[in-house]
Amino acid sequence: VGHLITPDGPIARGSTIVQRIGVGVIFVESATRVVDVWDTVAPSDG
């Protein structure tokens, strides 16, 4: 999988990721958009 992300830097809500998946010299290109990012600690058990 080859990819490119905007904006540059770590994944953030709203990031667009273009991916190319393939074998040999043929690749399929498509894109996704990040809709949620989380980094949580549960107060009950850590």
All heavy atoms as atom14 arrays in JSON, in Angstrom:
{
  "sequence": "VGHLITPDGPIARGSTIVQRIGVGVIFVESATRVVDVWDTVAPSDG",
  "atom14_mask": [
    [1, 1, 1, 1, 1, 1, 1, 0, 0, 0, 0, 0, 0, 0],
    [1, 1, 1, 1, 0, 0, 0, 0, 0, 0, 0, 0, 0, 0],
    [1, 1, 1, 1, 1, 1, 1, 1, 1, 1, 0, 0, 0, 0],
    [1, 1, 1, 1, 1, 1, 1, 1, 0, 0, 0, 0, 0, 0],
    [1, 1, 1, 1, 1, 1, 1, 1, 0, 0, 0, 0, 0, 0],
    [1, 1, 1, 1, 1, 1, 1, 0, 0, 0, 0, 0, 0, 0],
    [1, 1, 1, 1, 1, 1, 1, 0, 0, 0, 0, 0, 0, 0],
    [1, 1, 1, 1, 1, 1, 1, 1, 0, 0, 0, 0, 0, 0],
    [1, 1, 1, 1, 0, 0, 0, 0, 0, 0, 0, 0, 0, 0],
    [1, 1, 1, 1, 1, 1, 1, 0, 0, 0, 0, 0, 0, 0],
    [1, 1, 1, 1, 1, 1, 1, 1, 0, 0, 0, 0, 0, 0],
    [1, 1, 1, 1, 1, 0, 0, 0, 0, 0, 0, 0, 0, 0],
    [1, 1, 1, 1, 1, 1, 1, 1, 1, 1, 1, 0, 0, 0],
    [1, 1, 1, 1, 0, 0, 0, 0, 0, 0, 0, 0, 0, 0],
    [1, 1, 1, 1, 1, 1, 0, 0, 0, 0, 0, 0, 0, 0],
    [1, 1, 1, 1, 1, 1, 1, 0, 0, 0, 0, 0, 0, 0],
    [1, 1, 1, 1, 1, 1, 1, 1, 0, 0, 0, 0, 0, 0],
    [1, 1, 1, 1, 1, 1, 1, 0, 0, 0, 0, 0, 0, 0],
    [1, 1, 1, 1, 1, 1, 1, 1, 1, 0, 0, 0, 0, 0],
    [1, 1, 1, 1, 1, 1, 1, 1, 1, 1, 1, 0, 0, 0],
    [1, 1, 1, 1, 1, 1, 1, 1, 0, 0, 0, 0, 0, 0],
    [1, 1, 1, 1, 0, 0, 0, 0, 0, 0, 0, 0, 0, 0],
    [1, 1, 1, 1, 1, 1, 1, 0, 0, 0, 0, 0, 0, 0],
    [1, 1, 1, 1, 0, 0, 0, 0, 0, 0, 0, 0, 0, 0],
    [1, 1, 1, 1, 1, 1, 1, 0, 0, 0, 0, 0, 0, 0],
    [1, 1, 1, 1, 1, 1, 1, 1, 0, 0, 0, 0, 0, 0],
    [1, 1, 1, 1, 1, 1, 1, 1, 1, 1, 1, 0, 0, 0],
    [1, 1, 1, 1, 1, 1, 1, 0, 0, 0, 0, 0, 0, 0],
    [1, 1, 1, 1, 1, 1, 1, 1, 1, 0, 0, 0, 0, 0],
    [1, 1, 1, 1, 1, 1, 0, 0, 0, 0, 0, 0, 0, 0],
    [1, 1, 1, 1, 1, 0, 0, 0, 0, 0, 0, 0, 0, 0],
    [1, 1, 1, 1, 1, 1, 1, 0, 0, 0, 0, 0, 0, 0],
    [1, 1, 1, 1, 1, 1, 1, 1, 1, 1, 1, 0, 0, 0],
    [1, 1, 1, 1, 1, 1, 1, 0, 0, 0, 0, 0, 0, 0],
    [1, 1, 1, 1, 1, 1, 1, 0, 0, 0, 0, 0, 0, 0],
    [1, 1, 1, 1, 1, 1, 1, 1, 0, 0, 0, 0, 0, 0],
    [1, 1, 1, 1, 1, 1, 1, 0, 0, 0, 0, 0, 0, 0],
    [1, 1, 1, 1, 1, 1, 1, 1, 1, 1, 1, 1, 1, 1],
    [1, 1, 1, 1, 1, 1, 1, 1, 0, 0, 0, 0, 0, 0],
    [1, 1, 1, 1, 1, 1, 1, 0, 0, 0, 0, 0, 0, 0],
    [1, 1, 1, 1, 1, 1, 1, 0, 0, 0, 0, 0, 0, 0],
    [1, 1, 1, 1, 1, 0, 0, 0, 0, 0, 0, 0, 0, 0],
    [1, 1, 1, 1, 1, 1, 1, 0, 0, 0, 0, 0, 0, 0],
    [1, 1, 1, 1, 1, 1, 0, 0, 0, 0, 0, 0, 0, 0],
    [1, 1, 1, 1, 1, 1, 1, 1, 0, 0, 0, 0, 0, 0],
    [1, 1, 1, 1, 0, 0, 0, 0, 0, 0, 0, 0, 0, 0]
  ],
  "atom14_positions": [
    [[0.85, -1.2, 0.0], [0.0, 0.0, 0.0], [0.88, 1.25, 0.0], [1.64, 1.48, 0.94], [-0.93, 0.02, 1.24], [-1.79, 1.28, 1.24], [-1.8, -1.22, 1.3], [0.0, 0.0, 0.0], [0.0, 0.0, 0.0], [0.0, 0.0, 0.0], [0.0, 0.0, 0.0], [0.0, 0.0, 0.0], [0.0, 0.0, 0.0], [0.0, 0.0, 0.0]],
    [[0.75, 2.04, -1.06], [1.36, 3.36, -1.09], [0.32, 4.36, -0.64], [-0.87, 4.16, -0.86], [0.0, 0.0, 0.0], [0.0, 0.0, 0.0], [0.0, 0.0, 0.0], [0.0, 0.0, 0.0], [0.0, 0.0, 0.0], [0.0, 0.0, 0.0], [0.0, 0.0, 0.0], [0.0, 0.0, 0.0], [0.0, 0.0, 0.0], [0.0, 0.0, 0.0]],
    [[0.75, 5.43, 0.01], [-0.24, 6.4, 0.49], [0.35, 7.8, 0.57], [1.57, 7.98, 0.57], [-0.79, 5.99, 1.86], [0.2, 6.14, 2.96], [1.14, 5.19, 3.26], [0.42, 7.17, 3.82], [1.87, 5.6, 4.26], [1.47, 6.81, 4.63], [0.0, 0.0, 0.0], [0.0, 0.0, 0.0], [0.0, 0.0, 0.0], [0.0, 0.0, 0.0]],
    [[-0.55, 8.77, 0.65], [-0.19, 10.16, 0.86], [-1.31, 10.78, 1.69], [-2.48, 10.48, 1.48], [-0.06, 10.9, -0.47], [0.54, 12.29, -0.45], [1.96, 12.28, 0.1], [0.53, 12.88, -1.86], [0.0, 0.0, 0.0], [0.0, 0.0, 0.0], [0.0, 0.0, 0.0], [0.0, 0.0, 0.0], [0.0, 0.0, 0.0], [0.0, 0.0, 0.0]],
    [[-0.94, 11.62, 2.67], [-1.91, 12.19, 3.61], [-1.82, 13.71, 3.58], [-0.72, 14.27, 3.49], [-1.61, 11.7, 5.05], [-1.66, 10.2, 5.12], [-2.57, 12.34, 6.04], [-1.17, 9.63, 6.44], [0.0, 0.0, 0.0], [0.0, 0.0, 0.0], [0.0, 0.0, 0.0], [0.0, 0.0, 0.0], [0.0, 0.0, 0.0], [0.0, 0.0, 0.0]],
    [[-2.97, 14.35, 3.68], [-3.01, 15.79, 3.91], [-3.99, 16.07, 5.03], [-5.03, 15.42, 5.1], [-3.38, 16.58, 2.63], [-3.13, 17.96, 2.86], [-4.8, 16.38, 2.21], [0.0, 0.0, 0.0], [0.0, 0.0, 0.0], [0.0, 0.0, 0.0], [0.0, 0.0, 0.0], [0.0, 0.0, 0.0], [0.0, 0.0, 0.0], [0.0, 0.0, 0.0]],
    [[-3.68, 16.99, 5.92], [-2.42, 17.74, 5.99], [-1.29, 16.85, 6.48], [-1.52, 15.8, 7.07], [-2.72, 18.84, 7.0], [-3.82, 18.3, 7.86], [-4.6, 17.37, 7.0], [0.0, 0.0, 0.0], [0.0, 0.0, 0.0], [0.0, 0.0, 0.0], [0.0, 0.0, 0.0], [0.0, 0.0, 0.0], [0.0, 0.0, 0.0], [0.0, 0.0, 0.0]],
    [[-0.05, 17.31, 6.22], [1.13, 16.57, 6.7], [1.09, 16.46, 8.21], [0.51, 17.3, 8.89], [2.41, 17.3, 6.29], [2.7, 17.17, 4.8], [2.19, 16.22, 4.18], [3.43, 18.03, 4.28], [0.0, 0.0, 0.0], [0.0, 0.0, 0.0], [0.0, 0.0, 0.0], [0.0, 0.0, 0.0], [0.0, 0.0, 0.0], [0.0, 0.0, 0.0]],
    [[1.75, 15.45, 8.72], [1.84, 15.27, 10.16], [0.98, 14.1, 10.6], [0.48, 13.33, 9.79], [0.0, 0.0, 0.0], [0.0, 0.0, 0.0], [0.0, 0.0, 0.0], [0.0, 0.0, 0.0], [0.0, 0.0, 0.0], [0.0, 0.0, 0.0], [0.0, 0.0, 0.0], [0.0, 0.0, 0.0], [0.0, 0.0, 0.0], [0.0, 0.0, 0.0]],
    [[0.81, 13.96, 11.92], [0.03, 12.84, 12.43], [-1.42, 12.9, 11.96], [-1.94, 13.96, 11.62], [0.1, 13.01, 13.95], [1.2, 13.98, 14.21], [1.36, 14.79, 12.98], [0.0, 0.0, 0.0], [0.0, 0.0, 0.0], [0.0, 0.0, 0.0], [0.0, 0.0, 0.0], [0.0, 0.0, 0.0], [0.0, 0.0, 0.0], [0.0, 0.0, 0.0]],
    [[-2.06, 11.76, 11.96], [-3.48, 11.65, 11.61], [-4.28, 12.61, 12.49], [-4.06, 12.67, 13.7], [-3.98, 10.2, 11.84], [-3.32, 9.24, 10.84], [-5.49, 10.11, 11.8], [-3.8, 9.39, 9.43], [0.0, 0.0, 0.0], [0.0, 0.0, 0.0], [0.0, 0.0, 0.0], [0.0, 0.0, 0.0], [0.0, 0.0, 0.0], [0.0, 0.0, 0.0]],
    [[-5.21, 13.33, 11.87], [-6.09, 14.25, 12.6], [-7.48, 14.17, 11.98], [-7.63, 13.75, 10.82], [-5.56, 15.68, 12.51], [0.0, 0.0, 0.0], [0.0, 0.0, 0.0], [0.0, 0.0, 0.0], [0.0, 0.0, 0.0], [0.0, 0.0, 0.0], [0.0, 0.0, 0.0], [0.0, 0.0, 0.0], [0.0, 0.0, 0.0], [0.0, 0.0, 0.0]],
    [[-8.47, 14.56, 12.74], [-9.83, 14.6, 12.19], [-9.81, 15.48, 10.94], [-9.27, 16.58, 10.97], [-10.79, 15.16, 13.23], [-12.24, 15.1, 12.79], [-13.13, 15.77, 13.8], [-13.0, 15.16, 15.12], [-13.91, 14.35, 15.66], [-15.0, 14.08, 15.01], [-13.72, 13.84, 16.85], [0.0, 0.0, 0.0], [0.0, 0.0, 0.0], [0.0, 0.0, 0.0]],
    [[-10.37, 14.97, 9.85], [-10.41, 15.7, 8.59], [-9.27, 15.36, 7.64], [-9.3, 15.78, 6.48], [0.0, 0.0, 0.0], [0.0, 0.0, 0.0], [0.0, 0.0, 0.0], [0.0, 0.0, 0.0], [0.0, 0.0, 0.0], [0.0, 0.0, 0.0], [0.0, 0.0, 0.0], [0.0, 0.0, 0.0], [0.0, 0.0, 0.0], [0.0, 0.0, 0.0]],
    [[-8.26, 14.61, 8.09], [-7.18, 14.21, 7.19], [-7.75, 13.39, 6.03], [-8.64, 12.57, 6.23], [-6.15, 13.34, 7.91], [-5.46, 14.04, 8.91], [0.0, 0.0, 0.0], [0.0, 0.0, 0.0], [0.0, 0.0, 0.0], [0.0, 0.0, 0.0], [0.0, 0.0, 0.0], [0.0, 0.0, 0.0], [0.0, 0.0, 0.0], [0.0, 0.0, 0.0]],
    [[-7.22, 13.63, 4.83], [-7.57, 12.83, 3.66], [-6.38, 11.95, 3.34], [-5.24, 12.42, 3.31], [-7.92, 13.73, 2.46], [-9.06, 14.53, 2.81], [-8.23, 12.91, 1.22], [0.0, 0.0, 0.0], [0.0, 0.0, 0.0], [0.0, 0.0, 0.0], [0.0, 0.0, 0.0], [0.0, 0.0, 0.0], [0.0, 0.0, 0.0], [0.0, 0.0, 0.0]],
    [[-6.65, 10.66, 3.09], [-5.6, 9.69, 2.81], [-5.88, 9.08, 1.44], [-6.94, 8.48, 1.23], [-5.56, 8.58, 3.87], [-5.41, 9.18, 5.27], [-4.43, 7.58, 3.56], [-5.66, 8.18, 6.39], [0.0, 0.0, 0.0], [0.0, 0.0, 0.0], [0.0, 0.0, 0.0], [0.0, 0.0, 0.0], [0.0, 0.0, 0.0], [0.0, 0.0, 0.0]],
    [[-4.94, 9.24, 0.5], [-5.03, 8.57, -0.8], [-4.17, 7.32, -0.7], [-3.03, 7.38, -0.25], [-4.53, 9.48, -1.94], [-4.51, 8.72, -3.26], [-5.4, 10.71, -2.05], [0.0, 0.0, 0.0], [0.0, 0.0, 0.0], [0.0, 0.0, 0.0], [0.0, 0.0, 0.0], [0.0, 0.0, 0.0], [0.0, 0.0, 0.0], [0.0, 0.0, 0.0]],
    [[-4.78, 6.18, -1.09], [-4.08, 4.91, -1.01], [-4.0, 4.27, -2.39], [-4.94, 4.4, -3.18], [-4.84, 3.94, -0.09], [-5.02, 4.45, 1.3], [-6.01, 3.62, 2.08], [-7.0, 3.14, 1.57], [-5.74, 3.45, 3.36], [0.0, 0.0, 0.0], [0.0, 0.0, 0.0], [0.0, 0.0, 0.0], [0.0, 0.0, 0.0], [0.0, 0.0, 0.0]],
    [[-2.91, 3.58, -2.63], [-2.77, 2.78, -3.84], [-2.39, 1.37, -3.41], [-1.38, 1.16, -2.75], [-1.7, 3.36, -4.76], [-2.17, 4.65, -5.41], [-1.22, 5.11, -6.45], [-1.74, 6.3, -7.11], [-1.05, 6.98, -7.99], [0.18, 6.6, -8.34], [-1.58, 8.04, -8.55], [0.0, 0.0, 0.0], [0.0, 0.0, 0.0], [0.0, 0.0, 0.0]],
    [[-3.24, 0.44, -3.82], [-3.03, -0.97, -3.48], [-2.88, -1.73, -4.78], [-3.69, -1.55, -5.7], [-4.23, -1.52, -2.69], [-4.41, -0.72, -1.4], [-4.07, -3.01, -2.4], [-5.69, -1.03, -0.64], [0.0, 0.0, 0.0], [0.0, 0.0, 0.0], [0.0, 0.0, 0.0], [0.0, 0.0, 0.0], [0.0, 0.0, 0.0], [0.0, 0.0, 0.0]],
    [[-1.86, -2.57, -4.85], [-1.68, -3.3, -6.09], [-0.62, -4.35, -6.03], [0.02, -4.57, -5.0], [0.0, 0.0, 0.0], [0.0, 0.0, 0.0], [0.0, 0.0, 0.0], [0.0, 0.0, 0.0], [0.0, 0.0, 0.0], [0.0, 0.0, 0.0], [0.0, 0.0, 0.0], [0.0, 0.0, 0.0], [0.0, 0.0, 0.0], [0.0, 0.0, 0.0]],
    [[-0.47, -4.98, -7.17], [0.53, -6.03, -7.35], [1.21, -5.76, -8.68], [0.56, -5.43, -9.67], [-0.14, -7.42, -7.36], [0.88, -8.51, -7.6], [-0.9, -7.66, -6.07], [0.0, 0.0, 0.0], [0.0, 0.0, 0.0], [0.0, 0.0, 0.0], [0.0, 0.0, 0.0], [0.0, 0.0, 0.0], [0.0, 0.0, 0.0], [0.0, 0.0, 0.0]],
    [[2.53, -5.93, -8.69], [3.27, -5.7, -9.93], [3.25, -4.24, -10.31], [3.67, -3.39, -9.53], [0.0, 0.0, 0.0], [0.0, 0.0, 0.0], [0.0, 0.0, 0.0], [0.0, 0.0, 0.0], [0.0, 0.0, 0.0], [0.0, 0.0, 0.0], [0.0, 0.0, 0.0], [0.0, 0.0, 0.0], [0.0, 0.0, 0.0], [0.0, 0.0, 0.0]],
    [[2.7, -3.94, -11.49], [2.68, -2.56, -11.98], [1.27, -1.98, -12.03], [1.07, -0.86, -12.49], [3.33, -2.45, -13.37], [4.81, -2.81, -13.31], [2.61, -3.31, -14.38], [0.0, 0.0, 0.0], [0.0, 0.0, 0.0], [0.0, 0.0, 0.0], [0.0, 0.0, 0.0], [0.0, 0.0, 0.0], [0.0, 0.0, 0.0], [0.0, 0.0, 0.0]],
    [[0.27, -2.72, -11.57], [-1.12, -2.25, -11.6], [-1.57, -1.94, -10.17], [-1.48, -2.79, -9.29], [-2.06, -3.32, -12.2], [-1.59, -3.75, -13.58], [-3.5, -2.83, -12.22], [-1.7, -2.69, -14.63], [0.0, 0.0, 0.0], [0.0, 0.0, 0.0], [0.0, 0.0, 0.0], [0.0, 0.0, 0.0], [0.0, 0.0, 0.0], [0.0, 0.0, 0.0]],
    [[-2.07, -0.72, -9.97], [-2.51, -0.27, -8.65], [-3.89, 0.35, -8.75], [-4.22, 1.0, -9.74], [-1.54, 0.75, -8.06], [-0.16, 0.21, -7.88], [0.78, 0.29, -8.9], [0.19, -0.43, -6.71], [2.04, -0.24, -8.75], [1.46, -0.97, -6.54], [2.38, -0.88, -7.56], [0.0, 0.0, 0.0], [0.0, 0.0, 0.0], [0.0, 0.0, 0.0]],
    [[-4.69, 0.14, -7.72], [-6.0, 0.78, -7.61], [-5.87, 1.91, -6.59], [-5.41, 1.7, -5.47], [-7.08, -0.24, -7.16], [-8.39, 0.46, -6.92], [-7.22, -1.35, -8.2], [0.0, 0.0, 0.0], [0.0, 0.0, 0.0], [0.0, 0.0, 0.0], [0.0, 0.0, 0.0], [0.0, 0.0, 0.0], [0.0, 0.0, 0.0], [0.0, 0.0, 0.0]],
    [[-6.27, 3.1, -7.02], [-6.19, 4.27, -6.17], [-7.58, 4.63, -5.65], [-8.56, 4.6, -6.39], [-5.65, 5.45, -6.99], [-5.56, 6.75, -6.23], [-5.14, 7.88, -7.13], [-3.92, 8.04, -7.31], [-6.03, 8.58, -7.67], [0.0, 0.0, 0.0], [0.0, 0.0, 0.0], [0.0, 0.0, 0.0], [0.0, 0.0, 0.0], [0.0, 0.0, 0.0]],
    [[-7.65, 4.96, -4.37], [-8.89, 5.4, -3.75], [-8.53, 6.26, -2.54], [-7.36, 6.4, -2.21], [-9.76, 4.21, -3.35], [-9.07, 3.39, -2.44], [0.0, 0.0, 0.0], [0.0, 0.0, 0.0], [0.0, 0.0, 0.0], [0.0, 0.0, 0.0], [0.0, 0.0, 0.0], [0.0, 0.0, 0.0], [0.0, 0.0, 0.0], [0.0, 0.0, 0.0]],
    [[-9.57, 6.82, -1.89], [-9.27, 7.73, -0.78], [-10.26, 7.55, 0.36], [-11.38, 7.09, 0.18], [-9.28, 9.17, -1.27], [0.0, 0.0, 0.0], [0.0, 0.0, 0.0], [0.0, 0.0, 0.0], [0.0, 0.0, 0.0], [0.0, 0.0, 0.0], [0.0, 0.0, 0.0], [0.0, 0.0, 0.0], [0.0, 0.0, 0.0], [0.0, 0.0, 0.0]],
    [[-9.8, 7.98, 1.54], [-10.6, 7.94, 2.77], [-10.43, 9.27, 3.5], [-9.49, 10.01, 3.24], [-10.14, 6.79, 3.69], [-8.76, 6.99, 4.02], [-10.32, 5.43, 3.03], [0.0, 0.0, 0.0], [0.0, 0.0, 0.0], [0.0, 0.0, 0.0], [0.0, 0.0, 0.0], [0.0, 0.0, 0.0], [0.0, 0.0, 0.0], [0.0, 0.0, 0.0]],
    [[-11.34, 9.52, 4.45], [-11.23, 10.72, 5.28], [-11.38, 10.33, 6.74], [-12.28, 9.58, 7.11], [-12.3, 11.74, 4.92], [-12.15, 13.03, 5.72], [-12.67, 14.27, 5.04], [-12.11, 14.46, 3.73], [-12.87, 14.57, 2.61], [-14.17, 14.49, 2.67], [-12.29, 14.75, 1.44], [0.0, 0.0, 0.0], [0.0, 0.0, 0.0], [0.0, 0.0, 0.0]],
    [[-10.5, 10.85, 7.58], [-10.52, 10.57, 9.01], [-11.68, 11.34, 9.65], [-11.8, 12.56, 9.46], [-9.18, 10.95, 9.67], [-9.23, 10.74, 11.18], [-8.04, 10.15, 9.04], [0.0, 0.0, 0.0], [0.0, 0.0, 0.0], [0.0, 0.0, 0.0], [0.0, 0.0, 0.0], [0.0, 0.0, 0.0], [0.0, 0.0, 0.0], [0.0, 0.0, 0.0]],
    [[-12.54, 10.61, 10.38], [-13.71, 11.23, 11.01], [-13.63, 11.24, 12.53], [-14.44, 11.89, 13.18], [-15.03, 10.54, 10.56], [-15.28, 10.8, 9.08], [-15.02, 9.05, 10.87], [0.0, 0.0, 0.0], [0.0, 0.0, 0.0], [0.0, 0.0, 0.0], [0.0, 0.0, 0.0], [0.0, 0.0, 0.0], [0.0, 0.0, 0.0], [0.0, 0.0, 0.0]],
    [[-12.66, 10.53, 13.08], [-12.55, 10.49, 14.54], [-11.12, 10.09, 14.92], [-10.51, 9.25, 14.24], [-13.54, 9.46, 15.1], [-13.81, 9.63, 16.59], [-13.31, 10.6, 17.2], [-14.53, 8.78, 17.14], [0.0, 0.0, 0.0], [0.0, 0.0, 0.0], [0.0, 0.0, 0.0], [0.0, 0.0, 0.0], [0.0, 0.0, 0.0], [0.0, 0.0, 0.0]],
    [[-10.6, 10.7, 15.96], [-9.29, 10.36, 16.53], [-9.45, 10.37, 18.04], [-10.13, 11.25, 18.58], [-8.21, 11.39, 16.12], [-6.86, 11.04, 16.74], [-8.09, 11.5, 14.61], [0.0, 0.0, 0.0], [0.0, 0.0, 0.0], [0.0, 0.0, 0.0], [0.0, 0.0, 0.0], [0.0, 0.0, 0.0], [0.0, 0.0, 0.0], [0.0, 0.0, 0.0]],
    [[-8.86, 9.39, 18.73], [-8.99, 9.35, 20.18], [-7.71, 8.86, 20.83], [-6.9, 8.16, 20.21], [-10.17, 8.46, 20.61], [-10.08, 7.06, 20.11], [-9.52, 5.99, 20.76], [-10.55, 6.56, 18.86], [-9.61, 4.86, 19.99], [-10.25, 5.19, 18.8], [-11.19, 7.14, 17.77], [-10.56, 4.38, 17.71], [-11.5, 6.34, 16.68], [-11.19, 4.99, 16.66]],
    [[-7.53, 9.27, 22.08], [-6.43, 8.83, 22.93], [-6.95, 9.0, 24.35], [-6.95, 10.1, 24.89], [-5.19, 9.7, 22.67], [-3.95, 9.13, 23.34], [-4.07, 8.17, 24.14], [-2.85, 9.65, 23.07], [0.0, 0.0, 0.0], [0.0, 0.0, 0.0], [0.0, 0.0, 0.0], [0.0, 0.0, 0.0], [0.0, 0.0, 0.0], [0.0, 0.0, 0.0]],
    [[-7.44, 7.91, 24.93], [-8.16, 8.01, 26.2], [-7.54, 7.11, 27.26], [-6.9, 6.1, 26.95], [-9.64, 7.6, 26.04], [-9.7, 6.24, 25.61], [-10.34, 8.48, 25.01], [0.0, 0.0, 0.0], [0.0, 0.0, 0.0], [0.0, 0.0, 0.0], [0.0, 0.0, 0.0], [0.0, 0.0, 0.0], [0.0, 0.0, 0.0], [0.0, 0.0, 0.0]],
    [[-7.77, 7.51, 28.51], [-7.4, 6.7, 29.68], [-8.66, 6.55, 30.5], [-9.33, 7.54, 30.83], [-6.3, 7.39, 30.52], [-5.98, 6.56, 31.75], [-5.06, 7.65, 29.68], [0.0, 0.0, 0.0], [0.0, 0.0, 0.0], [0.0, 0.0, 0.0], [0.0, 0.0, 0.0], [0.0, 0.0, 0.0], [0.0, 0.0, 0.0], [0.0, 0.0, 0.0]],
    [[-9.01, 5.31, 30.85], [-10.18, 5.05, 31.69], [-9.84, 5.37, 33.13], [-8.87, 4.82, 33.67], [-10.64, 3.6, 31.56], [0.0, 0.0, 0.0], [0.0, 0.0, 0.0], [0.0, 0.0, 0.0], [0.0, 0.0, 0.0], [0.0, 0.0, 0.0], [0.0, 0.0, 0.0], [0.0, 0.0, 0.0], [0.0, 0.0, 0.0], [0.0, 0.0, 0.0]],
    [[-10.6, 6.25, 33.78], [-10.29, 6.61, 35.17], [-10.44, 5.43, 36.13], [-9.76, 5.37, 37.14], [-11.3, 7.71, 35.51], [-12.2, 7.87, 34.35], [-11.74, 6.98, 33.25], [0.0, 0.0, 0.0], [0.0, 0.0, 0.0], [0.0, 0.0, 0.0], [0.0, 0.0, 0.0], [0.0, 0.0, 0.0], [0.0, 0.0, 0.0], [0.0, 0.0, 0.0]],
    [[-11.3, 4.49, 35.81], [-11.56, 3.38, 36.73], [-10.39, 2.41, 36.84], [-10.05, 1.96, 37.93], [-12.81, 2.62, 36.29], [-12.63, 2.12, 34.97], [0.0, 0.0, 0.0], [0.0, 0.0, 0.0], [0.0, 0.0, 0.0], [0.0, 0.0, 0.0], [0.0, 0.0, 0.0], [0.0, 0.0, 0.0], [0.0, 0.0, 0.0], [0.0, 0.0, 0.0]],
    [[-9.75, 2.08, 35.71], [-8.69, 1.07, 35.76], [-7.4, 1.47, 35.06], [-6.44, 0.7, 35.01], [-9.2, -0.25, 35.19], [-9.59, -0.16, 33.72], [-9.4, 0.91, 33.1], [-10.09, -1.17, 33.19], [0.0, 0.0, 0.0], [0.0, 0.0, 0.0], [0.0, 0.0, 0.0], [0.0, 0.0, 0.0], [0.0, 0.0, 0.0], [0.0, 0.0, 0.0]],
    [[-7.35, 2.67, 34.48], [-6.13, 3.13, 33.83], [-5.9, 2.53, 32.45], [-4.85, 2.78, 31.85], [0.0, 0.0, 0.0], [0.0, 0.0, 0.0], [0.0, 0.0, 0.0], [0.0, 0.0, 0.0], [0.0, 0.0, 0.0], [0.0, 0.0, 0.0], [0.0, 0.0, 0.0], [0.0, 0.0, 0.0], [0.0, 0.0, 0.0], [0.0, 0.0, 0.0]]
  ]
}
